[in-house]
Amino acid sequence: MLRHEFQPGRLVAGAFLTFAGVVYAGDAGGLWDTPWFAVIPMVVGGLCLAGATGVMAHAIRSRRGPGRHTPTEATGSDTRI
């Protein structure tokens, strides 16, 4: 499995969208009554918070320098014929 860079903004956005889905599922299941306009502030607030988190993560990551990346091998420039 290939490793990827951790992106906390996407984690926050996914958490808020999952929460909005749970709210709608609870309303559809009859557990509680949710007004139609209640989810809009949750989603917009979550996306704004995710954007701010992404900007902060990018600022922190760019300030720290290149990181722990290993140099990649040449893809074919040193092949012999």
PDB file of N, CA and C in Angstrom:
ATOM      1  N   MET A   1       0.842  -1.172   0.000  1.00  0.00           N
ATOM      2  CA  MET A   1       0.000   0.000   0.000  1.00  0.00           C
ATOM      3  C   MET A   1       0.890   1.238   0.000  1.00  0.00           C
ATOM      4  N   LEU A   2       0.597   2.146  -0.897  1.00  0.00           N
ATOM      5  CA  LEU A   2       1.382   3.361  -0.984  1.00  0.00           C
ATOM      6  C   LEU A   2       1.005   4.311   0.148  1.00  0.00           C
ATOM      7  N   ARG A   3       2.001   4.916   0.727  1.00  0.00           N
ATOM      8  CA  ARG A   3       1.744   5.892   1.784  1.00  0.00           C
ATOM      9  C   ARG A   3       1.461   7.240   1.149  1.00  0.00           C
ATOM     10  N   HIS A   4       0.654   8.000   1.824  1.00  0.00           N
ATOM     11  CA  HIS A   4       0.345   9.331   1.324  1.00  0.00           C
ATOM     12  C   HIS A   4       0.499  10.339   2.447  1.00  0.00           C
ATOM     13  N   GLU A   5       0.501  11.570   2.059  1.00  0.00           N
ATOM     14  CA  GLU A   5       0.679  12.663   2.999  1.00  0.00           C
ATOM     15  C   GLU A   5      -0.617  12.889   3.776  1.00  0.00           C
ATOM     16  N   PHE A   6      -0.513  13.053   5.088  1.00  0.00           N
ATOM     17  CA  PHE A   6      -1.683  13.297   5.928  1.00  0.00           C
ATOM     18  C   PHE A   6      -2.221  14.692   5.654  1.00  0.00           C
ATOM     19  N   GLN A   7      -3.526  14.791   5.395  1.00  0.00           N
ATOM     20  CA  GLN A   7      -4.156  16.067   5.108  1.00  0.00           C
ATOM     21  C   GLN A   7      -5.292  16.297   6.095  1.00  0.00           C
ATOM     22  N   PRO A   8      -5.029  17.064   7.152  1.00  0.00           N
ATOM     23  CA  PRO A   8      -6.037  17.240   8.200  1.00  0.00           C
ATOM     24  C   PRO A   8      -7.273  17.999   7.742  1.00  0.00           C
ATOM     25  N   GLY A   9      -7.166  18.840   6.720  1.00  0.00           N
ATOM     26  CA  GLY A   9      -8.330  19.553   6.211  1.00  0.00           C
ATOM     27  C   GLY A   9      -9.369  18.599   5.644  1.00  0.00           C
ATOM     28  N   ARG A  10      -8.913  17.586   4.954  1.00  0.00           N
ATOM     29  CA  ARG A  10      -9.843  16.587   4.409  1.00  0.00           C
ATOM     30  C   ARG A  10     -10.480  15.759   5.511  1.00  0.00           C
ATOM     31  N   LEU A  11      -9.740  15.519   6.572  1.00  0.00           N
ATOM     32  CA  LEU A  11     -10.287  14.795   7.714  1.00  0.00           C
ATOM     33  C   LEU A  11     -11.411  15.591   8.370  1.00  0.00           C
ATOM     34  N   VAL A  12     -11.203  16.885   8.552  1.00  0.00           N
ATOM     35  CA  VAL A  12     -12.224  17.743   9.159  1.00  0.00           C
ATOM     36  C   VAL A  12     -13.454  17.826   8.252  1.00  0.00           C
ATOM     37  N   ALA A  13     -13.238  18.006   6.960  1.00  0.00           N
ATOM     38  CA  ALA A  13     -14.365  18.080   6.023  1.00  0.00           C
ATOM     39  C   ALA A  13     -15.150  16.772   6.028  1.00  0.00           C
ATOM     40  N   GLY A  14     -14.461  15.662   6.023  1.00  0.00           N
ATOM     41  CA  GLY A  14     -15.142  14.368   6.050  1.00  0.00           C
ATOM     42  C   GLY A  14     -15.923  14.156   7.333  1.00  0.00           C
ATOM     43  N   ALA A  15     -15.385  14.611   8.440  1.00  0.00           N
ATOM     44  CA  ALA A  15     -16.085  14.459   9.720  1.00  0.00           C
ATOM     45  C   ALA A  15     -17.374  15.272   9.736  1.00  0.00           C
ATOM     46  N   PHE A  16     -17.324  16.509   9.256  1.00  0.00           N
ATOM     47  CA  PHE A  16     -18.523  17.337   9.246  1.00  0.00           C
ATOM     48  C   PHE A  16     -19.559  16.827   8.251  1.00  0.00           C
ATOM     49  N   LEU A  17     -19.126  16.346   7.096  1.00  0.00           N
ATOM     50  CA  LEU A  17     -20.088  15.811   6.132  1.00  0.00           C
ATOM     51  C   LEU A  17     -20.696  14.500   6.631  1.00  0.00           C
ATOM     52  N   THR A  18     -19.915  13.694   7.339  1.00  0.00           N
ATOM     53  CA  THR A  18     -20.454  12.485   7.955  1.00  0.00           C
ATOM     54  C   THR A  18     -21.482  12.836   9.025  1.00  0.00           C
ATOM     55  N   PHE A  19     -21.183  13.866   9.823  1.00  0.00           N
ATOM     56  CA  PHE A  19     -22.121  14.320  10.843  1.00  0.00           C
ATOM     57  C   PHE A  19     -23.424  14.813  10.209  1.00  0.00           C
ATOM     58  N   ALA A  20     -23.323  15.539   9.098  1.00  0.00           N
ATOM     59  CA  ALA A  20     -24.530  15.996   8.395  1.00  0.00           C
ATOM     60  C   ALA A  20     -25.331  14.807   7.877  1.00  0.00           C
ATOM     61  N   GLY A  21     -24.656  13.785   7.395  1.00  0.00           N
ATOM     62  CA  GLY A  21     -25.347  12.574   6.947  1.00  0.00           C
ATOM     63  C   GLY A  21     -26.038  11.857   8.083  1.00  0.00           C
ATOM     64  N   VAL A  22     -25.409  11.816   9.241  1.00  0.00           N
ATOM     65  CA  VAL A  22     -26.022  11.186  10.415  1.00  0.00           C
ATOM     66  C   VAL A  22     -27.262  11.961  10.856  1.00  0.00           C
ATOM     67  N   VAL A  23     -27.186  13.281  10.784  1.00  0.00           N
ATOM     68  CA  VAL A  23     -28.348  14.102  11.157  1.00  0.00           C
ATOM     69  C   VAL A  23     -29.509  13.824  10.209  1.00  0.00           C
ATOM     70  N   TYR A  24     -29.231  13.781   8.907  1.00  0.00           N
ATOM     71  CA  TYR A  24     -30.300  13.484   7.951  1.00  0.00           C
ATOM     72  C   TYR A  24     -30.816  12.053   8.105  1.00  0.00           C
ATOM     73  N   ALA A  25     -29.927  11.111   8.386  1.00  0.00           N
ATOM     74  CA  ALA A  25     -30.371   9.723   8.571  1.00  0.00           C
ATOM     75  C   ALA A  25     -31.244   9.591   9.816  1.00  0.00           C
ATOM     76  N   GLY A  26     -30.906  10.304  10.871  1.00  0.00           N
ATOM     77  CA  GLY A  26     -31.741  10.287  12.075  1.00  0.00           C
ATOM     78  C   GLY A  26     -33.100  10.901  11.835  1.00  0.00           C
ATOM     79  N   ASP A  27     -33.141  11.934  11.008  1.00  0.00           N
ATOM     80  CA  ASP A  27     -34.416  12.552  10.654  1.00  0.00           C
ATOM     81  C   ASP A  27     -35.238  11.613   9.786  1.00  0.00           C
ATOM     82  N   ALA A  28     -34.597  10.960   8.842  1.00  0.00           N
ATOM     83  CA  ALA A  28     -35.322  10.033   7.962  1.00  0.00           C
ATOM     84  C   ALA A  28     -35.810   8.810   8.726  1.00  0.00           C
ATOM     85  N   GLY A  29     -35.059   8.374   9.725  1.00  0.00           N
ATOM     86  CA  GLY A  29     -35.453   7.222  10.519  1.00  0.00           C
ATOM     87  C   GLY A  29     -36.489   7.530  11.583  1.00  0.00           C
ATOM     88  N   GLY A  30     -36.793   8.787  11.783  1.00  0.00           N
ATOM     89  CA  GLY A  30     -37.799   9.170  12.756  1.00  0.00           C
ATOM     90  C   GLY A  30     -37.286   9.298  14.175  1.00  0.00           C
ATOM     91  N   LEU A  31     -35.971   9.322  14.355  1.00  0.00           N
ATOM     92  CA  LEU A  31     -35.420   9.457  15.703  1.00  0.00           C
ATOM     93  C   LEU A  31     -35.579  10.884  16.236  1.00  0.00           C
ATOM     94  N   TRP A  32     -35.465  11.870  15.366  1.00  0.00           N
ATOM     95  CA  TRP A  32     -35.663  13.261  15.742  1.00  0.00           C
ATOM     96  C   TRP A  32     -36.149  14.025  14.521  1.00  0.00           C
ATOM     97  N   ASP A  33     -36.551  15.258  14.740  1.00  0.00           N
ATOM     98  CA  ASP A  33     -37.061  16.098  13.661  1.00  0.00           C
ATOM     99  C   ASP A  33     -36.055  17.211  13.401  1.00  0.00           C
ATOM    100  N   THR A  34     -35.487  17.223  12.200  1.00  0.00           N
ATOM    101  CA  THR A  34     -34.495  18.217  11.826  1.00  0.00           C
ATOM    102  C   THR A  34     -35.102  19.158  10.793  1.00  0.00           C
ATOM    103  N   PRO A  35     -35.073  20.471  11.023  1.00  0.00           N
ATOM    104  CA  PRO A  35     -35.548  21.403  10.000  1.00  0.00           C
ATOM    105  C   PRO A  35     -34.659  21.327   8.757  1.00  0.00           C
ATOM    106  N   TRP A  36     -35.207  21.615   7.625  1.00  0.00           N
ATOM    107  CA  TRP A  36     -34.463  21.465   6.371  1.00  0.00           C
ATOM    108  C   TRP A  36     -33.255  22.388   6.306  1.00  0.00           C
ATOM    109  N   PHE A  37     -33.304  23.525   6.979  1.00  0.00           N
ATOM    110  CA  PHE A  37     -32.219  24.500   6.896  1.00  0.00           C
ATOM    111  C   PHE A  37     -31.138  24.285   7.953  1.00  0.00           C
ATOM    112  N   ALA A  38     -31.260  23.312   8.809  1.00  0.00           N
ATOM    113  CA  ALA A  38     -30.305  23.131   9.903  1.00  0.00           C
ATOM    114  C   ALA A  38     -28.964  22.572   9.432  1.00  0.00           C
ATOM    115  N   VAL A  39     -28.958  21.827   8.353  1.00  0.00           N
ATOM    116  CA  VAL A  39     -27.723  21.175   7.917  1.00  0.00           C
ATOM    117  C   VAL A  39     -26.829  22.141   7.140  1.00  0.00           C
ATOM    118  N   ILE A  40     -27.417  23.161   6.539  1.00  0.00           N
ATOM    119  CA  ILE A  40     -26.622  24.098   5.735  1.00  0.00           C
ATOM    120  C   ILE A  40     -25.534  24.780   6.573  1.00  0.00           C
ATOM    121  N   PRO A  41     -25.838  25.326   7.755  1.00  0.00           N
ATOM    122  CA  PRO A  41     -24.746  25.915   8.553  1.00  0.00           C
ATOM    123  C   PRO A  41     -23.711  24.893   9.011  1.00  0.00           C
ATOM    124  N   MET A  42     -24.133  23.659   9.253  1.00  0.00           N
ATOM    125  CA  MET A  42     -23.171  22.622   9.650  1.00  0.00           C
ATOM    126  C   MET A  42     -22.184  22.353   8.527  1.00  0.00           C
ATOM    127  N   VAL A  43     -22.690  22.208   7.313  1.00  0.00           N
ATOM    128  CA  VAL A  43     -21.821  21.894   6.180  1.00  0.00           C
ATOM    129  C   VAL A  43     -20.930  23.082   5.837  1.00  0.00           C
ATOM    130  N   VAL A  44     -21.504  24.274   5.776  1.00  0.00           N
ATOM    131  CA  VAL A  44     -20.709  25.454   5.436  1.00  0.00           C
ATOM    132  C   VAL A  44     -19.665  25.739   6.521  1.00  0.00           C
ATOM    133  N   GLY A  45     -20.062  25.635   7.782  1.00  0.00           N
ATOM    134  CA  GLY A  45     -19.104  25.830   8.866  1.00  0.00           C
ATOM    135  C   GLY A  45     -18.001  24.788   8.843  1.00  0.00           C
ATOM    136  N   GLY A  46     -18.368  23.548   8.562  1.00  0.00           N
ATOM    137  CA  GLY A  46     -17.361  22.493   8.478  1.00  0.00           C
ATOM    138  C   GLY A  46     -16.396  22.691   7.336  1.00  0.00           C
ATOM    139  N   LEU A  47     -16.910  23.148   6.186  1.00  0.00           N
ATOM    140  CA  LEU A  47     -16.022  23.393   5.050  1.00  0.00           C
ATOM    141  C   LEU A  47     -15.103  24.586   5.310  1.00  0.00           C
ATOM    142  N   CYS A  48     -15.617  25.614   5.984  1.00  0.00           N
ATOM    143  CA  CYS A  48     -14.762  26.754   6.348  1.00  0.00           C
ATOM    144  C   CYS A  48     -13.679  26.322   7.334  1.00  0.00           C
ATOM    145  N   LEU A  49     -14.066  25.522   8.316  1.00  0.00           N
ATOM    146  CA  LEU A  49     -13.084  25.026   9.278  1.00  0.00           C
ATOM    147  C   LEU A  49     -12.062  24.110   8.600  1.00  0.00           C
ATOM    148  N   ALA A  50     -12.505  23.313   7.643  1.00  0.00           N
ATOM    149  CA  ALA A  50     -11.582  22.447   6.906  1.00  0.00           C
ATOM    150  C   ALA A  50     -10.615  23.268   6.063  1.00  0.00           C
ATOM    151  N   GLY A  51     -11.115  24.342   5.468  1.00  0.00           N
ATOM    152  CA  GLY A  51     -10.232  25.216   4.698  1.00  0.00           C
ATOM    153  C   GLY A  51      -9.190  25.882   5.570  1.00  0.00           C
ATOM    154  N   ALA A  52      -9.615  26.362   6.735  1.00  0.00           N
ATOM    155  CA  ALA A  52      -8.667  26.980   7.664  1.00  0.00           C
ATOM    156  C   ALA A  52      -7.647  25.965   8.167  1.00  0.00           C
ATOM    157  N   THR A  53      -8.104  24.752   8.409  1.00  0.00           N
ATOM    158  CA  THR A  53      -7.187  23.694   8.854  1.00  0.00           C
ATOM    159  C   THR A  53      -6.186  23.353   7.762  1.00  0.00           C
ATOM    160  N   GLY A  54      -6.651  23.299   6.526  1.00  0.00           N
ATOM    161  CA  GLY A  54      -5.751  23.021   5.407  1.00  0.00           C
ATOM    162  C   GLY A  54      -4.723  24.109   5.203  1.00  0.00           C
ATOM    163  N   VAL A  55      -5.132  25.361   5.341  1.00  0.00           N
ATOM    164  CA  VAL A  55      -4.191  26.476   5.199  1.00  0.00           C
ATOM    165  C   VAL A  55      -3.149  26.435   6.310  1.00  0.00           C
ATOM    166  N   MET A  56      -3.599  26.175   7.532  1.00  0.00           N
ATOM    167  CA  MET A  56      -2.657  26.105   8.650  1.00  0.00           C
ATOM    168  C   MET A  56      -1.687  24.932   8.481  1.00  0.00           C
ATOM    169  N   ALA A  57      -2.193  23.793   8.048  1.00  0.00           N
ATOM    170  CA  ALA A  57      -1.322  22.631   7.843  1.00  0.00           C
ATOM    171  C   ALA A  57      -0.298  22.916   6.743  1.00  0.00           C
ATOM    172  N   HIS A  58      -0.736  23.586   5.684  1.00  0.00           N
ATOM    173  CA  HIS A  58       0.191  23.923   4.604  1.00  0.00           C
ATOM    174  C   HIS A  58       1.260  24.912   5.089  1.00  0.00           C
ATOM    175  N   ALA A  59       0.837  25.889   5.889  1.00  0.00           N
ATOM    176  CA  ALA A  59       1.799  26.862   6.408  1.00  0.00           C
ATOM    177  C   ALA A  59       2.816  26.196   7.325  1.00  0.00           C
ATOM    178  N   ILE A  60       2.357  25.307   8.173  1.00  0.00           N
ATOM    179  CA  ILE A  60       3.265  24.601   9.081  1.00  0.00           C
ATOM    180  C   ILE A  60       4.195  23.693   8.301  1.00  0.00           C
ATOM    181  N   ARG A  61       3.650  22.994   7.316  1.00  0.00           N
ATOM    182  CA  ARG A  61       4.459  22.066   6.533  1.00  0.00           C
ATOM    183  C   ARG A  61       5.505  22.799   5.703  1.00  0.00           C
ATOM    184  N   SER A  62       5.157  23.953   5.131  1.00  0.00           N
ATOM    185  CA  SER A  62       6.121  24.680   4.306  1.00  0.00           C
ATOM    186  C   SER A  62       7.188  25.358   5.174  1.00  0.00           C
ATOM    187  N   ARG A  63       6.860  25.686   6.413  1.00  0.00           N
ATOM    188  CA  ARG A  63       7.831  26.318   7.299  1.00  0.00           C
ATOM    189  C   ARG A  63       8.877  25.306   7.776  1.00  0.00           C
ATOM    190  N   ARG A  64       8.464  24.054   7.928  1.00  0.00           N
ATOM    191  CA  ARG A  64       9.374  23.040   8.473  1.00  0.00           C
ATOM    192  C   ARG A  64      10.416  22.595   7.469  1.00  0.00           C
ATOM    193  N   GLY A  65      10.197  22.794   6.197  1.00  0.00           N
ATOM    194  CA  GLY A  65      11.184  22.409   5.204  1.00  0.00           C
ATOM    195  C   GLY A  65      10.745  21.214   4.400  1.00  0.00           C
ATOM    196  N   PRO A  66      11.697  20.567   3.758  1.00  0.00           N
ATOM    197  CA  PRO A  66      11.353  19.491   2.838  1.00  0.00           C
ATOM    198  C   PRO A  66      10.762  18.244   3.475  1.00  0.00           C
ATOM    199  N   GLY A  67      11.071  17.929   4.691  1.00  0.00           N
ATOM    200  CA  GLY A  67      10.470  16.770   5.343  1.00  0.00           C
ATOM    201  C   GLY A  67      11.310  15.522   5.222  1.00  0.00           C
ATOM    202  N   ARG A  68      10.650  14.369   5.384  1.00  0.00           N
ATOM    203  CA  ARG A  68      11.355  13.095   5.409  1.00  0.00           C
ATOM    204  C   ARG A  68      11.208  12.341   4.096  1.00  0.00           C
ATOM    205  N   HIS A  69      11.266  13.021   2.997  1.00  0.00           N
ATOM    206  CA  HIS A  69      11.141  12.345   1.709  1.00  0.00           C
ATOM    207  C   HIS A  69      12.474  11.702   1.342  1.00  0.00           C
ATOM    208  N   THR A  70      12.395  10.502   0.814  1.00  0.00           N
ATOM    209  CA  THR A  70      13.601   9.834   0.358  1.00  0.00           C
ATOM    210  C   THR A  70      13.788  10.116  -1.123  1.00  0.00           C
ATOM    211  N   PRO A  71      15.010  10.231  -1.572  1.00  0.00           N
ATOM    212  CA  PRO A  71      15.221  10.491  -2.993  1.00  0.00           C
ATOM    213  C   PRO A  71      14.759   9.302  -3.830  1.00  0.00           C
ATOM    214  N   THR A  72      14.128   9.599  -4.932  1.00  0.00           N
ATOM    215  CA  THR A  72      13.624   8.536  -5.804  1.00  0.00           C
ATOM    216  C   THR A  72      14.704   8.133  -6.791  1.00  0.00           C
ATOM    217  N   GLU A  73      14.595   6.930  -7.262  1.00  0.00           N
ATOM    218  CA  GLU A  73      15.549   6.443  -8.240  1.00  0.00           C
ATOM    219  C   GLU A  73      15.205   7.009  -9.610  1.00  0.00           C
ATOM    220  N   ALA A  74      16.190   7.041 -10.471  1.00  0.00           N
ATOM    221  CA  ALA A  74      15.966   7.526 -11.831  1.00  0.00           C
ATOM    222  C   ALA A  74      15.024   6.576 -12.557  1.00  0.00           C
ATOM    223  N   THR A  75      14.189   7.116 -13.398  1.00  0.00           N
ATOM    224  CA  THR A  75      13.184   6.291 -14.060  1.00  0.00           C
ATOM    225  C   THR A  75      13.648   5.720 -15.382  1.00  0.00           C
ATOM    226  N   GLY A  76      14.823   5.961 -15.781  1.00  0.00           N
ATOM    227  CA  GLY A  76      15.277   5.393 -17.034  1.00  0.00           C
ATOM    228  C   GLY A  76      16.413   6.186 -17.650  1.00  0.00           C
ATOM    229  N   SER A  77      16.887   7.197 -16.996  1.00  0.00           N
ATOM    230  CA  SER A  77      17.937   8.021 -17.556  1.00  0.00           C
ATOM    231  C   SER A  77      19.295   7.308 -17.505  1.00  0.00           C
ATOM    232  N   ASP A  78      19.452   6.333 -16.641  1.00  0.00           N
ATOM    233  CA  ASP A  78      20.736   5.651 -16.527  1.00  0.00           C
ATOM    234  C   ASP A  78      20.675   4.229 -17.099  1.00  0.00           C
ATOM    235  N   THR A  79      19.708   3.921 -17.931  1.00  0.00           N
ATOM    236  CA  THR A  79      19.642   2.583 -18.517  1.00  0.00           C
ATOM    237  C   THR A  79      20.680   2.442 -19.611  1.00  0.00           C
ATOM    238  N   ARG A  80      21.190   1.235 -19.733  1.00  0.00           N
ATOM    239  CA  ARG A  80      22.222   0.968 -20.736  1.00  0.00           C
ATOM    240  C   ARG A  80      21.610   0.232 -21.916  1.00  0.00           C
ATOM    241  N   ILE A  81      22.103   0.560 -23.070  1.00  0.00           N
ATOM    242  CA  ILE A  81      21.580  -0.092 -24.288  1.00  0.00           C
ATOM    243  C   ILE A  81      22.499  -1.203 -24.711  1.00  0.00           C
TER     244      ILE A  81
END
